[in-house]
Amino acid sequence: MLRAALMVLTGIVHSWLGERKVIAAMLRITDAALLSGVQQRFLRACRHISTVSWFVLAATLLCQSLQPQALRAAVLGISMRWPSR
């Protein structure tokens, strides 16, 4: 449970620091002024996707700590039903 809480905290800090320190700094650079609005939103979306991955990992760890057999069954069920080529 502690691991899941730390993952959520990491996601929140990643989102906050990424916006304040990385993205804002990138967009202040004079060359970044050449980026269109779509490209700027794309940069932000890419950073948010990695933040969401921290939350998904936290949820997975939480499920594993609460019901490890259910998580194992769900993962095996998904992998067994995955279409093969």
Protein backbone atom coordinates (compact mmCIF):
# COMPACT_ATOMS: atom_id res chain seq x y z
CA MET A 1 0.00 0.00 0.00
CA LEU A 2 2.91 2.31 0.76
CA ARG A 3 4.39 1.59 -2.67
CA ALA A 4 1.13 2.57 -4.36
CA ALA A 5 0.96 5.81 -2.39
CA LEU A 6 4.55 6.62 -3.35
CA MET A 7 3.74 5.97 -7.01
CA VAL A 8 0.77 8.36 -6.85
CA LEU A 9 2.95 10.96 -5.16
CA THR A 10 5.59 10.46 -7.84
CA GLY A 11 2.94 10.99 -10.54
CA ILE A 12 1.71 14.20 -8.93
CA VAL A 13 5.22 15.58 -8.46
CA HIS A 14 6.12 14.52 -12.02
CA SER A 15 3.12 16.37 -13.39
CA TRP A 16 3.68 19.53 -11.36
CA LEU A 17 7.45 19.77 -11.84
CA GLY A 18 7.21 18.80 -15.49
CA GLU A 19 4.80 21.62 -16.23
CA ARG A 20 6.57 24.25 -14.14
CA LYS A 21 10.20 23.42 -14.85
CA VAL A 22 10.42 21.51 -18.13
CA ILE A 23 7.53 22.43 -20.41
CA ALA A 24 7.36 26.09 -19.38
CA ALA A 25 11.10 26.45 -19.84
CA MET A 26 10.97 24.77 -23.25
CA LEU A 27 8.20 27.06 -24.43
CA ARG A 28 10.06 30.18 -23.21
CA ILE A 29 13.04 29.44 -25.45
CA THR A 30 12.93 31.66 -28.53
CA ASP A 31 13.11 28.70 -30.89
CA ALA A 32 10.11 27.17 -29.14
CA ALA A 33 8.07 30.17 -30.23
CA LEU A 34 8.10 28.52 -33.65
CA LEU A 35 6.05 25.65 -32.28
CA SER A 36 2.39 25.78 -33.20
CA GLY A 37 -0.37 25.43 -30.63
CA VAL A 38 -0.92 21.83 -31.69
CA GLN A 39 2.75 20.98 -31.14
CA GLN A 40 2.72 22.63 -27.72
CA ARG A 41 -0.38 20.62 -26.72
CA PHE A 42 1.31 17.48 -28.03
CA LEU A 43 4.33 18.10 -25.76
CA ARG A 44 2.04 18.50 -22.77
CA ALA A 45 0.02 15.40 -23.70
CA CYS A 46 3.16 13.27 -23.94
CA ARG A 47 4.19 14.33 -20.47
CA HIS A 48 0.72 13.62 -19.11
CA ILE A 49 0.76 10.12 -20.61
CA SER A 50 3.84 9.27 -18.58
CA THR A 51 2.16 10.70 -15.47
CA VAL A 52 -0.87 8.50 -16.08
CA SER A 53 1.45 5.50 -16.32
CA TRP A 54 2.59 6.20 -12.74
CA PHE A 55 -1.06 6.14 -11.63
CA VAL A 56 -1.74 2.88 -13.49
CA LEU A 57 1.31 1.30 -11.92
CA ALA A 58 0.12 2.47 -8.49
CA ALA A 59 -3.31 0.95 -9.09
CA THR A 60 -1.70 -2.32 -10.17
CA LEU A 61 0.43 -2.43 -7.03
CA LEU A 62 -2.60 -1.65 -4.88
CA CYS A 63 -4.63 -4.44 -6.52
CA GLN A 64 -1.74 -6.82 -6.08
CA SER A 65 -1.43 -6.02 -2.38
CA LEU A 66 -5.19 -6.33 -1.76
CA GLN A 67 -6.05 -9.31 -3.96
CA PRO A 68 -2.97 -10.90 -5.53
CA GLN A 69 -4.85 -13.92 -6.89
CA ALA A 70 -7.47 -11.77 -8.62
CA LEU A 71 -4.80 -9.68 -10.31
CA ARG A 72 -2.90 -12.77 -11.42
CA ALA A 73 -6.10 -14.28 -12.85
CA ALA A 74 -6.91 -11.06 -14.68
CA VAL A 75 -3.43 -10.79 -16.21
CA LEU A 76 -3.39 -14.45 -17.22
CA GLY A 77 -6.91 -14.17 -18.62
CA ILE A 78 -5.92 -11.20 -20.77
CA SER A 79 -2.74 -12.85 -22.02
CA MET A 80 -4.53 -16.11 -22.81
CA ARG A 81 -7.21 -14.30 -24.83
CA TRP A 82 -4.73 -12.10 -26.69
CA PRO A 83 -5.04 -12.79 -30.42
CA SER A 84 -2.07 -14.58 -31.83
CA ARG A 85 -0.84 -14.18 -35.37
